[in-house]
């Protein structure tokens, strides 16, 4: 298979195999289990040839795949009795962020997550997952309520970045993100953050300060998107070669972040990515989320806050002259 930067071309054989699996499961004929197992092995073999050669731009394409599970998919699969809260008690509700409380393995948790939307109408309504200041203030409202009642916080990150429009700036976008950063460092309850798709800039970091920060294997986390970087540094985001160079230089993949100590764990995805087998992705996230919350549940609040601060304080390299 020739190497290309178009991941959607690379995944075609896997998609065809997955469609055959779905057809077999729908038909439910005798011998289905053996046929499905054989097709799953074919997917694994196909992916074993593709995965080692994936470029950063292809990882970005996987993270942005329109069929990739979003925050509400994870909430629906892993939690029960989700009660969504709306509004920031100051200006309005921000549909780009879903936030509220739910039961997870018999315990109440606060959960926030950026939601992009599936249909064109929903994407417009949710602003493609780009939050305005009221979204960050809604998250802050939920964070403080969780702290008041002693509930752990689960944050699902999936955004290009905070909304850069003039309306957001007029309502204090930078201040809203900065206040969230400050507050999350001092919350006296466990915080687990998971990058499930795109982790773009302060838009992601505004709900991304946690005791455990994890990334799905084919998600990315970066100070800026490759296109944005290319537009700023090279004044051209239309040239694929420049965008590829930007993606390489940003070191935005999960493996890069783990090596640099910026995240705690990589959550493996099924062959082909989370969109190929969402159920397998849900199980992997469930396993790592449960382990993270169990690890944090008995830790004294003061010790947890100190470790959270130290964790982020040691990031980066500083040279004094």
C-alpha atoms as a PDB file:
ATOM      1  CA  UNK A   1       0.000   0.000   0.000  1.00  0.00           C
ATOM      2  CA  UNK A   2       1.469   3.325  -1.013  1.00  0.00           C
ATOM      3  CA  UNK A   3       2.021   5.906   1.628  1.00  0.00           C
ATOM      4  CA  UNK A   4      -0.309   8.886   1.378  1.00  0.00           C
ATOM      5  CA  UNK A   5      -1.395  11.728   3.594  1.00  0.00           C
ATOM      6  CA  UNK A   6      -5.051  10.964   2.872  1.00  0.00           C
ATOM      7  CA  UNK A   7      -6.060   8.708   5.759  1.00  0.00           C
ATOM      8  CA  UNK A   8      -9.529   8.236   4.314  1.00  0.00           C
ATOM      9  CA  UNK A   9      -7.945   6.381   1.381  1.00  0.00           C
ATOM     10  CA  UNK A  10      -5.824   4.264   3.703  1.00  0.00           C
ATOM     11  CA  UNK A  11      -8.783   3.137   5.780  1.00  0.00           C
ATOM     12  CA  UNK A  12     -10.938   1.934   2.880  1.00  0.00           C
ATOM     13  CA  UNK A  13      -9.941  -1.760   3.173  1.00  0.00           C
ATOM     14  CA  UNK A  14     -10.666  -1.676   6.913  1.00  0.00           C
ATOM     15  CA  UNK A  15     -14.016   0.021   6.389  1.00  0.00           C
ATOM     16  CA  UNK A  16     -15.019  -2.640   3.852  1.00  0.00           C
ATOM     17  CA  UNK A  17     -14.139  -5.402   6.300  1.00  0.00           C
ATOM     18  CA  UNK A  18     -16.070  -3.668   9.089  1.00  0.00           C
ATOM     19  CA  UNK A  19     -19.123  -3.377   6.809  1.00  0.00           C
ATOM     20  CA  UNK A  20     -18.949  -7.134   6.187  1.00  0.00           C
ATOM     21  CA  UNK A  21     -18.869  -7.727   9.950  1.00  0.00           C
ATOM     22  CA  UNK A  22     -21.915  -5.509  10.458  1.00  0.00           C
ATOM     23  CA  UNK A  23     -23.809  -7.337   7.712  1.00  0.00           C
ATOM     24  CA  UNK A  24     -23.015 -10.726   9.244  1.00  0.00           C
ATOM     25  CA  UNK A  25     -24.078  -9.629  12.712  1.00  0.00           C
ATOM     26  CA  UNK A  26     -27.300  -8.192  11.323  1.00  0.00           C
ATOM     27  CA  UNK A  27     -28.113 -11.408   9.453  1.00  0.00           C
ATOM     28  CA  UNK A  28     -27.372 -13.622  12.470  1.00  0.00           C
ATOM     29  CA  UNK A  29     -26.905 -16.795  10.412  1.00  0.00           C
ATOM     30  CA  UNK A  30     -25.226 -19.979  11.700  1.00  0.00           C
ATOM     31  CA  UNK A  31     -21.438 -19.791  11.779  1.00  0.00           C
ATOM     32  CA  UNK A  32     -21.471 -16.009  12.153  1.00  0.00           C
ATOM     33  CA  UNK A  33     -19.089 -15.946  15.141  1.00  0.00           C
ATOM     34  CA  UNK A  34     -16.294 -17.742  13.266  1.00  0.00           C
ATOM     35  CA  UNK A  35     -16.695 -15.541  10.193  1.00  0.00           C
ATOM     36  CA  UNK A  36     -16.660 -12.372  12.293  1.00  0.00           C
ATOM     37  CA  UNK A  37     -13.543 -13.535  14.142  1.00  0.00           C
ATOM     38  CA  UNK A  38     -11.787 -14.162  10.825  1.00  0.00           C
ATOM     39  CA  UNK A  39     -12.732 -10.722   9.529  1.00  0.00           C
ATOM     40  CA  UNK A  40     -11.493  -9.097  12.739  1.00  0.00           C
ATOM     41  CA  UNK A  41      -8.148 -10.806  12.216  1.00  0.00           C
ATOM     42  CA  UNK A  42      -8.069  -9.393   8.683  1.00  0.00           C
ATOM     43  CA  UNK A  43      -8.659  -5.905  10.089  1.00  0.00           C
ATOM     44  CA  UNK A  44      -5.799  -6.373  12.564  1.00  0.00           C
ATOM     45  CA  UNK A  45      -3.454  -7.526   9.766  1.00  0.00           C
ATOM     46  CA  UNK A  46      -4.442  -4.599   7.558  1.00  0.00           C
ATOM     47  CA  UNK A  47      -3.975  -2.121  10.395  1.00  0.00           C
ATOM     48  CA  UNK A  48      -0.597  -3.617  11.337  1.00  0.00           C
ATOM     49  CA  UNK A  49       0.659  -2.551   7.889  1.00  0.00           C
ATOM     50  CA  UNK A  50      -0.812   0.945   8.099  1.00  0.00           C
ATOM     51  CA  UNK A  51      -0.271   2.025  11.719  1.00  0.00           C
ATOM     52  CA  UNK A  52       3.571   2.148  11.845  1.00  0.00           C
ATOM     53  CA  UNK A  53       3.671   4.581   8.902  1.00  0.00           C
ATOM     54  CA  UNK A  54       0.959   7.010   9.976  1.00  0.00           C
ATOM     55  CA  UNK A  55       2.105  10.619   9.679  1.00  0.00           C
ATOM     56  CA  UNK A  56       1.108  13.362  12.138  1.00  0.00           C
ATOM     57  CA  UNK A  57      -1.324  14.783   9.565  1.00  0.00           C
ATOM     58  CA  UNK A  58      -2.980  11.383   9.236  1.00  0.00           C
ATOM     59  CA  UNK A  59      -3.309  11.205  13.025  1.00  0.00           C
ATOM     60  CA  UNK A  60      -5.043  14.584  12.847  1.00  0.00           C
ATOM     61  CA  UNK A  61      -7.436  13.184  10.233  1.00  0.00           C
ATOM     62  CA  UNK A  62      -8.267  10.219  12.459  1.00  0.00           C
ATOM     63  CA  UNK A  63      -8.852  12.520  15.441  1.00  0.00           C
ATOM     64  CA  UNK A  64     -11.228  14.600  13.293  1.00  0.00           C
ATOM     65  CA  UNK A  65     -13.003  11.666  11.672  1.00  0.00           C
ATOM     66  CA  UNK A  66     -16.721  12.528  11.404  1.00  0.00           C
ATOM     67  CA  UNK A  67     -17.729   9.102  12.727  1.00  0.00           C
ATOM     68  CA  UNK A  68     -15.411   9.213  15.737  1.00  0.00           C
ATOM     69  CA  UNK A  69     -17.261   8.915  19.083  1.00  0.00           C
ATOM     70  CA  UNK A  70     -17.953  12.276  20.731  1.00  0.00           C
ATOM     71  CA  UNK A  71     -18.448  13.231  24.378  1.00  0.00           C
ATOM     72  CA  UNK A  72     -22.158  12.369  24.475  1.00  0.00           C
ATOM     73  CA  UNK A  73     -21.367   8.940  23.000  1.00  0.00           C
ATOM     74  CA  UNK A  74     -18.938   8.201  25.840  1.00  0.00           C
ATOM     75  CA  UNK A  75     -21.331   9.569  28.452  1.00  0.00           C
ATOM     76  CA  UNK A  76     -24.156   7.435  27.073  1.00  0.00           C
ATOM     77  CA  UNK A  77     -22.015   4.297  26.891  1.00  0.00           C
ATOM     78  CA  UNK A  78     -20.227   4.550  30.245  1.00  0.00           C
ATOM     79  CA  UNK A  79     -22.594   6.425  32.548  1.00  0.00           C
ATOM     80  CA  UNK A  80     -26.231   6.353  33.569  1.00  0.00           C
ATOM     81  CA  UNK A  81     -28.832   8.948  34.563  1.00  0.00           C
ATOM     82  CA  UNK A  82     -26.912  11.848  33.056  1.00  0.00           C
ATOM     83  CA  UNK A  83     -28.499  15.114  34.189  1.00  0.00           C
ATOM     84  CA  UNK A  84     -27.298  17.925  31.954  1.00  0.00           C
ATOM     85  CA  UNK A  85     -27.025  21.444  33.339  1.00  0.00           C
ATOM     86  CA  UNK A  86     -27.352  24.513  31.148  1.00  0.00           C
ATOM     87  CA  UNK A  87     -26.166  28.094  31.380  1.00  0.00           C
ATOM     88  CA  UNK A  88     -23.430  29.974  33.186  1.00  0.00           C
ATOM     89  CA  UNK A  89     -25.778  32.121  35.329  1.00  0.00           C
ATOM     90  CA  UNK A  90     -24.269  35.197  33.667  1.00  0.00           C
ATOM     91  CA  UNK A  91     -24.987  35.326  29.948  1.00  0.00           C
ATOM     92  CA  UNK A  92     -26.290  32.193  28.218  1.00  0.00           C
ATOM     93  CA  UNK A  93     -25.893  28.492  27.621  1.00  0.00           C
ATOM     94  CA  UNK A  94     -23.077  27.234  25.382  1.00  0.00           C
ATOM     95  CA  UNK A  95     -24.101  24.105  23.431  1.00  0.00           C
ATOM     96  CA  UNK A  96     -20.443  23.475  22.519  1.00  0.00           C
ATOM     97  CA  UNK A  97     -20.028  22.062  26.035  1.00  0.00           C
ATOM     98  CA  UNK A  98     -22.199  19.428  27.669  1.00  0.00           C
ATOM     99  CA  UNK A  99     -21.956  19.429  31.448  1.00  0.00           C
ATOM    100  CA  UNK A 100     -23.745  17.850  34.367  1.00  0.00           C
ATOM    101  CA  UNK A 101     -23.818  14.910  36.728  1.00  0.00           C
ATOM    102  CA  UNK A 102     -24.193  11.180  36.179  1.00  0.00           C
ATOM    103  CA  UNK A 103     -23.677   7.825  37.856  1.00  0.00           C
ATOM    104  CA  UNK A 104     -20.476   5.985  36.999  1.00  0.00           C
ATOM    105  CA  UNK A 105     -20.074   2.518  38.513  1.00  0.00           C
ATOM    106  CA  UNK A 106     -22.495   3.388  41.292  1.00  0.00           C
ATOM    107  CA  UNK A 107     -20.937   6.738  42.172  1.00  0.00           C
ATOM    108  CA  UNK A 108     -21.960  10.259  41.235  1.00  0.00           C
ATOM    109  CA  UNK A 109     -19.461  12.068  39.026  1.00  0.00           C
ATOM    110  CA  UNK A 110     -19.429  15.480  37.422  1.00  0.00           C
ATOM    111  CA  UNK A 111     -18.769  15.251  33.701  1.00  0.00           C
ATOM    112  CA  UNK A 112     -17.992  17.939  31.143  1.00  0.00           C
ATOM    113  CA  UNK A 113     -17.211  17.412  27.484  1.00  0.00           C
ATOM    114  CA  UNK A 114     -16.926  19.350  24.260  1.00  0.00           C
ATOM    115  CA  UNK A 115     -19.471  18.262  21.648  1.00  0.00           C
ATOM    116  CA  UNK A 116     -19.024  18.964  17.923  1.00  0.00           C
ATOM    117  CA  UNK A 117     -22.273  17.630  16.511  1.00  0.00           C
ATOM    118  CA  UNK A 118     -23.063  15.089  13.768  1.00  0.00           C
ATOM    119  CA  UNK A 119     -25.421  16.796  11.350  1.00  0.00           C
ATOM    120  CA  UNK A 120     -24.789  20.142   9.691  1.00  0.00           C
ATOM    121  CA  UNK A 121     -27.515  21.745  11.811  1.00  0.00           C
ATOM    122  CA  UNK A 122     -26.095  20.337  15.039  1.00  0.00           C
ATOM    123  CA  UNK A 123     -22.555  21.341  14.142  1.00  0.00           C
ATOM    124  CA  UNK A 124     -23.681  24.899  13.603  1.00  0.00           C
ATOM    125  CA  UNK A 125     -25.701  24.884  16.819  1.00  0.00           C
ATOM    126  CA  UNK A 126     -22.724  23.554  18.786  1.00  0.00           C
ATOM    127  CA  UNK A 127     -20.268  25.837  16.994  1.00  0.00           C
ATOM    128  CA  UNK A 128     -18.201  22.798  15.931  1.00  0.00           C
ATOM    129  CA  UNK A 129     -17.182  22.228  19.558  1.00  0.00           C
ATOM    130  CA  UNK A 130     -15.547  25.642  19.911  1.00  0.00           C
ATOM    131  CA  UNK A 131     -16.538  27.090  23.273  1.00  0.00           C
ATOM    132  CA  UNK A 132     -17.406  30.660  24.085  1.00  0.00           C
ATOM    133  CA  UNK A 133     -16.699  32.226  27.508  1.00  0.00           C
ATOM    134  CA  UNK A 134     -20.085  31.104  28.819  1.00  0.00           C
ATOM    135  CA  UNK A 135     -19.063  27.506  28.089  1.00  0.00           C
ATOM    136  CA  UNK A 136     -16.022  27.776  30.342  1.00  0.00           C
ATOM    137  CA  UNK A 137     -18.102  29.497  33.003  1.00  0.00           C
ATOM    138  CA  UNK A 138     -20.701  26.715  32.771  1.00  0.00           C
ATOM    139  CA  UNK A 139     -17.898  24.179  33.280  1.00  0.00           C
ATOM    140  CA  UNK A 140     -16.637  26.202  36.237  1.00  0.00           C
ATOM    141  CA  UNK A 141     -20.114  26.170  37.759  1.00  0.00           C
ATOM    142  CA  UNK A 142     -20.184  22.370  37.528  1.00  0.00           C
ATOM    143  CA  UNK A 143     -16.622  22.073  38.900  1.00  0.00           C
ATOM    144  CA  UNK A 144     -17.492  24.113  41.981  1.00  0.00           C
ATOM    145  CA  UNK A 145     -20.707  22.169  42.559  1.00  0.00           C
ATOM    146  CA  UNK A 146     -18.757  18.912  42.309  1.00  0.00           C
ATOM    147  CA  UNK A 147     -16.260  20.167  44.876  1.00  0.00           C
ATOM    148  CA  UNK A 148     -19.047  21.268  47.216  1.00  0.00           C
ATOM    149  CA  UNK A 149     -20.565  17.782  47.286  1.00  0.00           C
ATOM    150  CA  UNK A 150     -17.331  15.793  46.987  1.00  0.00           C
ATOM    151  CA  UNK A 151     -17.887  14.338  43.525  1.00  0.00           C
ATOM    152  CA  UNK A 152     -14.946  13.501  41.225  1.00  0.00           C
ATOM    153  CA  UNK A 153     -14.744  15.275  37.863  1.00  0.00           C
ATOM    154  CA  UNK A 154     -14.392  13.666  34.428  1.00  0.00           C
ATOM    155  CA  UNK A 155     -13.421  15.980  31.568  1.00  0.00           C
ATOM    156  CA  UNK A 156     -13.692  14.868  27.929  1.00  0.00           C
ATOM    157  CA  UNK A 157     -11.651  17.051  25.571  1.00  0.00           C
ATOM    158  CA  UNK A 158     -12.447  17.363  21.869  1.00  0.00           C
ATOM    159  CA  UNK A 159     -12.109  20.816  20.315  1.00  0.00           C
ATOM    160  CA  UNK A 160     -10.182  22.730  17.670  1.00  0.00           C
ATOM    161  CA  UNK A 161      -9.804  25.474  20.251  1.00  0.00           C
ATOM    162  CA  UNK A 162     -11.776  28.195  21.977  1.00  0.00           C
ATOM    163  CA  UNK A 163     -13.985  30.237  19.665  1.00  0.00           C
ATOM    164  CA  UNK A 164     -11.801  33.076  18.279  1.00  0.00           C
ATOM    165  CA  UNK A 165     -14.626  35.411  17.252  1.00  0.00           C
ATOM    166  CA  UNK A 166     -15.052  38.977  18.415  1.00  0.00           C
ATOM    167  CA  UNK A 167     -18.127  38.081  20.489  1.00  0.00           C
ATOM    168  CA  UNK A 168     -16.063  35.730  22.622  1.00  0.00           C
ATOM    169  CA  UNK A 169     -13.402  38.362  23.138  1.00  0.00           C
ATOM    170  CA  UNK A 170     -16.034  40.928  24.118  1.00  0.00           C
ATOM    171  CA  UNK A 171     -17.357  38.589  26.813  1.00  0.00           C
ATOM    172  CA  UNK A 172     -13.916  37.766  28.245  1.00  0.00           C
ATOM    173  CA  UNK A 173     -12.689  34.594  26.564  1.00  0.00           C
ATOM    174  CA  UNK A 174      -9.138  34.810  27.928  1.00  0.00           C
ATOM    175  CA  UNK A 175     -10.303  35.622  31.460  1.00  0.00           C
ATOM    176  CA  UNK A 176     -12.780  32.733  31.456  1.00  0.00           C
ATOM    177  CA  UNK A 177     -10.089  30.223  30.442  1.00  0.00           C
ATOM    178  CA  UNK A 178      -7.550  31.667  32.885  1.00  0.00           C
ATOM    179  CA  UNK A 179     -10.031  31.458  35.774  1.00  0.00           C
ATOM    180  CA  UNK A 180     -10.741  27.820  34.952  1.00  0.00           C
ATOM    181  CA  UNK A 181      -7.025  27.045  34.962  1.00  0.00           C
ATOM    182  CA  UNK A 182      -6.584  28.722  38.337  1.00  0.00           C
ATOM    183  CA  UNK A 183      -9.646  27.049  39.854  1.00  0.00           C
ATOM    184  CA  UNK A 184      -8.919  23.532  38.610  1.00  0.00           C
ATOM    185  CA  UNK A 185      -5.532  23.625  40.325  1.00  0.00           C
ATOM    186  CA  UNK A 186      -7.244  24.149  43.687  1.00  0.00           C
ATOM    187  CA  UNK A 187     -10.298  21.869  43.467  1.00  0.00           C
ATOM    188  CA  UNK A 188     -10.327  19.401  46.352  1.00  0.00           C
ATOM    189  CA  UNK A 189     -11.779  16.506  44.358  1.00  0.00           C
ATOM    190  CA  UNK A 190     -10.167  14.098  41.848  1.00  0.00           C
ATOM    191  CA  UNK A 191     -10.038  15.282  38.229  1.00  0.00           C
ATOM    192  CA  UNK A 192      -9.522  12.920  35.289  1.00  0.00           C
ATOM    193  CA  UNK A 193      -9.103  14.461  31.831  1.00  0.00           C
ATOM    194  CA  UNK A 194      -9.247  12.455  28.606  1.00  0.00           C
ATOM    195  CA  UNK A 195      -8.453  13.809  25.136  1.00  0.00           C
ATOM    196  CA  UNK A 196     -10.874  11.831  22.968  1.00  0.00           C
ATOM    197  CA  UNK A 197     -10.244  13.616  19.647  1.00  0.00           C
ATOM    198  CA  UNK A 198      -8.813  17.066  19.072  1.00  0.00           C
ATOM    199  CA  UNK A 199      -7.068  18.835  21.920  1.00  0.00           C
ATOM    200  CA  UNK A 200      -6.602  22.326  20.586  1.00  0.00           C
ATOM    201  CA  UNK A 201      -4.895  25.172  22.439  1.00  0.00           C
ATOM    202  CA  UNK A 202      -6.430  26.932  25.446  1.00  0.00           C
ATOM    203  CA  UNK A 203      -9.793  25.667  24.290  1.00  0.00           C
ATOM    204  CA  UNK A 204      -8.722  22.233  25.495  1.00  0.00           C
ATOM    205  CA  UNK A 205      -6.647  23.375  28.448  1.00  0.00           C
ATOM    206  CA  UNK A 206      -9.585  25.355  29.851  1.00  0.00           C
ATOM    207  CA  UNK A 207     -11.107  22.040  30.980  1.00  0.00           C
ATOM    208  CA  UNK A 208      -7.834  20.088  30.934  1.00  0.00           C
ATOM    209  CA  UNK A 209      -6.112  20.488  34.319  1.00  0.00           C
ATOM    210  CA  UNK A 210      -6.278  17.111  36.027  1.00  0.00           C
ATOM    211  CA  UNK A 211      -4.668  14.662  38.418  1.00  0.00           C
ATOM    212  CA  UNK A 212      -4.668  12.133  35.600  1.00  0.00           C
ATOM    213  CA  UNK A 213      -4.501  13.339  31.987  1.00  0.00           C
ATOM    214  CA  UNK A 214      -4.923  10.680  29.301  1.00  0.00           C
ATOM    215  CA  UNK A 215      -5.152  10.648  25.523  1.00  0.00           C
ATOM    216  CA  UNK A 216      -6.722   8.189  23.161  1.00  0.00           C
ATOM    217  CA  UNK A 217      -4.062   6.650  20.956  1.00  0.00           C
ATOM    218  CA  UNK A 218      -5.038   8.538  17.799  1.00  0.00           C
ATOM    219  CA  UNK A 219      -6.062  11.836  19.325  1.00  0.00           C
ATOM    220  CA  UNK A 220      -3.815  14.892  19.351  1.00  0.00           C
ATOM    221  CA  UNK A 221      -3.052  17.677  21.819  1.00  0.00           C
ATOM    222  CA  UNK A 222      -1.407  20.875  20.698  1.00  0.00           C
ATOM    223  CA  UNK A 223      -0.967  24.574  21.325  1.00  0.00           C
ATOM    224  CA  UNK A 224      -2.485  25.179  17.888  1.00  0.00           C
ATOM    225  CA  UNK A 225      -3.837  23.231  14.928  1.00  0.00           C
ATOM    226  CA  UNK A 226      -1.411  22.424  12.072  1.00  0.00           C
ATOM    227  CA  UNK A 227      -3.398  24.721   9.776  1.00  0.00           C
ATOM    228  CA  UNK A 228      -3.269  27.562  12.294  1.00  0.00           C
ATOM    229  CA  UNK A 229       0.457  27.092  12.783  1.00  0.00           C
ATOM    230  CA  UNK A 230       1.040  27.120   9.030  1.00  0.00           C
ATOM    231  CA  UNK A 231      -1.032  30.287   8.648  1.00  0.00           C
ATOM    232  CA  UNK A 232       0.938  32.121  11.344  1.00  0.00           C
ATOM    233  CA  UNK A 233       4.490  30.946  10.652  1.00  0.00           C
ATOM    234  CA  UNK A 234       4.385  30.408   6.896  1.00  0.00           C
ATOM    235  CA  UNK A 235       1.413  32.660   6.036  1.00  0.00           C
ATOM    236  CA  UNK A 236      -0.108  29.787   4.085  1.00  0.00           C
ATOM    237  CA  UNK A 237      -2.477  27.096   5.363  1.00  0.00           C
ATOM    238  CA  UNK A 238      -3.540  25.950   1.896  1.00  0.00           C
ATOM    239  CA  UNK A 239      -0.268  24.200   1.006  1.00  0.00           C
ATOM    240  CA  UNK A 240      -0.450  20.557   2.228  1.00  0.00           C
ATOM    241  CA  UNK A 241       3.347  20.348   2.447  1.00  0.00           C
ATOM    242  CA  UNK A 242       3.472  23.303   4.848  1.00  0.00           C
ATOM    243  CA  UNK A 243       0.653  21.892   6.974  1.00  0.00           C
ATOM    244  CA  UNK A 244       2.508  18.557   7.129  1.00  0.00           C
ATOM    245  CA  UNK A 245       5.673  20.349   8.247  1.00  0.00           C
ATOM    246  CA  UNK A 246       3.744  22.204  10.932  1.00  0.00           C
ATOM    247  CA  UNK A 247       2.220  18.947  12.213  1.00  0.00           C
ATOM    248  CA  UNK A 248       5.682  17.354  12.401  1.00  0.00           C
ATOM    249  CA  UNK A 249       7.152  20.300  14.288  1.00  0.00           C
ATOM    250  CA  UNK A 250       4.320  20.516  16.811  1.00  0.00           C
ATOM    251  CA  UNK A 251       4.934  16.991  18.247  1.00  0.00           C
ATOM    252  CA  UNK A 252       1.212  16.671  18.843  1.00  0.00           C
ATOM    253  CA  UNK A 253       0.738  12.896  18.976  1.00  0.00           C
ATOM    254  CA  UNK A 254      -0.050  10.957  22.134  1.00  0.00           C
ATOM    255  CA  UNK A 255       3.318   9.176  22.001  1.00  0.00           C
ATOM    256  CA  UNK A 256       5.100  12.541  21.890  1.00  0.00           C
ATOM    257  CA  UNK A 257       3.210  13.815  24.920  1.00  0.00           C
ATOM    258  CA  UNK A 258       3.828  10.674  26.953  1.00  0.00           C
ATOM    259  CA  UNK A 259       7.558  10.835  26.188  1.00  0.00           C
ATOM    260  CA  UNK A 260       7.644  14.500  27.253  1.00  0.00           C
ATOM    261  CA  UNK A 261       5.762  13.790  30.483  1.00  0.00           C
ATOM    262  CA  UNK A 262       2.774  15.947  29.500  1.00  0.00           C
ATOM    263  CA  UNK A 263       0.223  13.155  29.911  1.00  0.00           C
ATOM    264  CA  UNK A 264      -0.013  10.152  32.207  1.00  0.00           C
ATOM    265  CA  UNK A 265      -1.312   7.430  29.930  1.00  0.00           C
ATOM    266  CA  UNK A 266      -2.253   6.520  26.373  1.00  0.00           C
ATOM    267  CA  UNK A 267      -5.566   4.691  25.954  1.00  0.00           C
ATOM    268  CA  UNK A 268      -5.302   2.178  23.087  1.00  0.00           C
ATOM    269  CA  UNK A 269      -7.806   2.337  20.253  1.00  0.00           C
ATOM    270  CA  UNK A 270      -9.154  -0.576  18.204  1.00  0.00           C
ATOM    271  CA  UNK A 271      -7.498  -1.278  14.824  1.00  0.00           C
ATOM    272  CA  UNK A 272      -8.403   1.528  12.438  1.00  0.00           C
ATOM    273  CA  UNK A 273      -9.323   3.979  15.177  1.00  0.00           C
ATOM    274  CA  UNK A 274     -12.203   4.531  17.581  1.00  0.00           C
ATOM    275  CA  UNK A 275     -14.674   5.173  14.748  1.00  0.00           C
ATOM    276  CA  UNK A 276     -14.172   1.649  13.349  1.00  0.00           C
ATOM    277  CA  UNK A 277     -15.229  -0.062  16.581  1.00  0.00           C
ATOM    278  CA  UNK A 278     -16.759   2.409  19.064  1.00  0.00           C
ATOM    279  CA  UNK A 279     -17.712  -0.354  21.509  1.00  0.00           C
ATOM    280  CA  UNK A 280     -14.082  -1.390  21.848  1.00  0.00           C
ATOM    281  CA  UNK A 281     -13.098   2.256  22.353  1.00  0.00           C
ATOM    282  CA  UNK A 282     -15.731   2.638  25.081  1.00  0.00           C
ATOM    283  CA  UNK A 283     -14.392  -0.449  26.881  1.00  0.00           C
ATOM    284  CA  UNK A 284     -10.813   0.838  26.741  1.00  0.00           C
ATOM    285  CA  UNK A 285     -11.796   4.256  28.107  1.00  0.00           C
ATOM    286  CA  UNK A 286     -13.940   2.611  30.790  1.00  0.00           C
ATOM    287  CA  UNK A 287     -11.024   0.471  31.951  1.00  0.00           C
ATOM    288  CA  UNK A 288      -8.572   3.366  32.261  1.00  0.00           C
ATOM    289  CA  UNK A 289     -11.083   5.829  33.699  1.00  0.00           C
ATOM    290  CA  UNK A 290     -12.144   3.377  36.416  1.00  0.00           C
ATOM    291  CA  UNK A 291      -8.512   2.672  37.314  1.00  0.00           C
ATOM    292  CA  UNK A 292      -7.670   6.383  37.491  1.00  0.00           C
ATOM    293  CA  UNK A 293     -10.624   7.218  39.744  1.00  0.00           C
ATOM    294  CA  UNK A 294      -9.877   4.251  42.014  1.00  0.00           C
ATOM    295  CA  UNK A 295      -6.273   5.411  42.350  1.00  0.00           C
ATOM    296  CA  UNK A 296      -7.370   8.902  43.365  1.00  0.00           C
ATOM    297  CA  UNK A 297     -10.419   8.196  45.504  1.00  0.00           C
ATOM    298  CA  UNK A 298      -8.631   7.742  48.854  1.00  0.00           C
ATOM    299  CA  UNK A 299      -5.889  10.333  48.364  1.00  0.00           C
ATOM    300  CA  UNK A 300      -6.048  13.252  50.839  1.00  0.00           C
ATOM    301  CA  UNK A 301      -7.181  16.456  49.138  1.00  0.00           C
ATOM    302  CA  UNK A 302      -4.140  18.479  50.219  1.00  0.00           C
ATOM    303  CA  UNK A 303      -1.723  15.888  48.883  1.00  0.00           C
ATOM    304  CA  UNK A 304      -3.692  15.602  45.639  1.00  0.00           C
ATOM    305  CA  UNK A 305      -3.597  19.358  45.048  1.00  0.00           C
ATOM    306  CA  UNK A 306       0.148  19.530  45.707  1.00  0.00           C
ATOM    307  CA  UNK A 307       0.824  16.689  43.277  1.00  0.00           C
ATOM    308  CA  UNK A 308      -1.456  18.274  40.663  1.00  0.00           C
ATOM    309  CA  UNK A 309       0.434  21.557  40.925  1.00  0.00           C
ATOM    310  CA  UNK A 310       3.847  19.872  40.792  1.00  0.00           C
ATOM    311  CA  UNK A 311       2.787  17.806  37.799  1.00  0.00           C
ATOM    312  CA  UNK A 312       2.098  20.853  35.645  1.00  0.00           C
ATOM    313  CA  UNK A 313       4.813  23.029  37.153  1.00  0.00           C
ATOM    314  CA  UNK A 314       7.569  20.727  35.945  1.00  0.00           C
ATOM    315  CA  UNK A 315       6.410  20.810  32.335  1.00  0.00           C
ATOM    316  CA  UNK A 316       8.648  22.623  29.881  1.00  0.00           C
ATOM    317  CA  UNK A 317      12.286  23.655  29.939  1.00  0.00           C
ATOM    318  CA  UNK A 318      13.412  26.965  31.354  1.00  0.00           C
ATOM    319  CA  UNK A 319      16.856  28.539  31.107  1.00  0.00           C
ATOM    320  CA  UNK A 320      17.807  31.446  33.352  1.00  0.00           C
ATOM    321  CA  UNK A 321      20.494  33.826  32.155  1.00  0.00           C
END
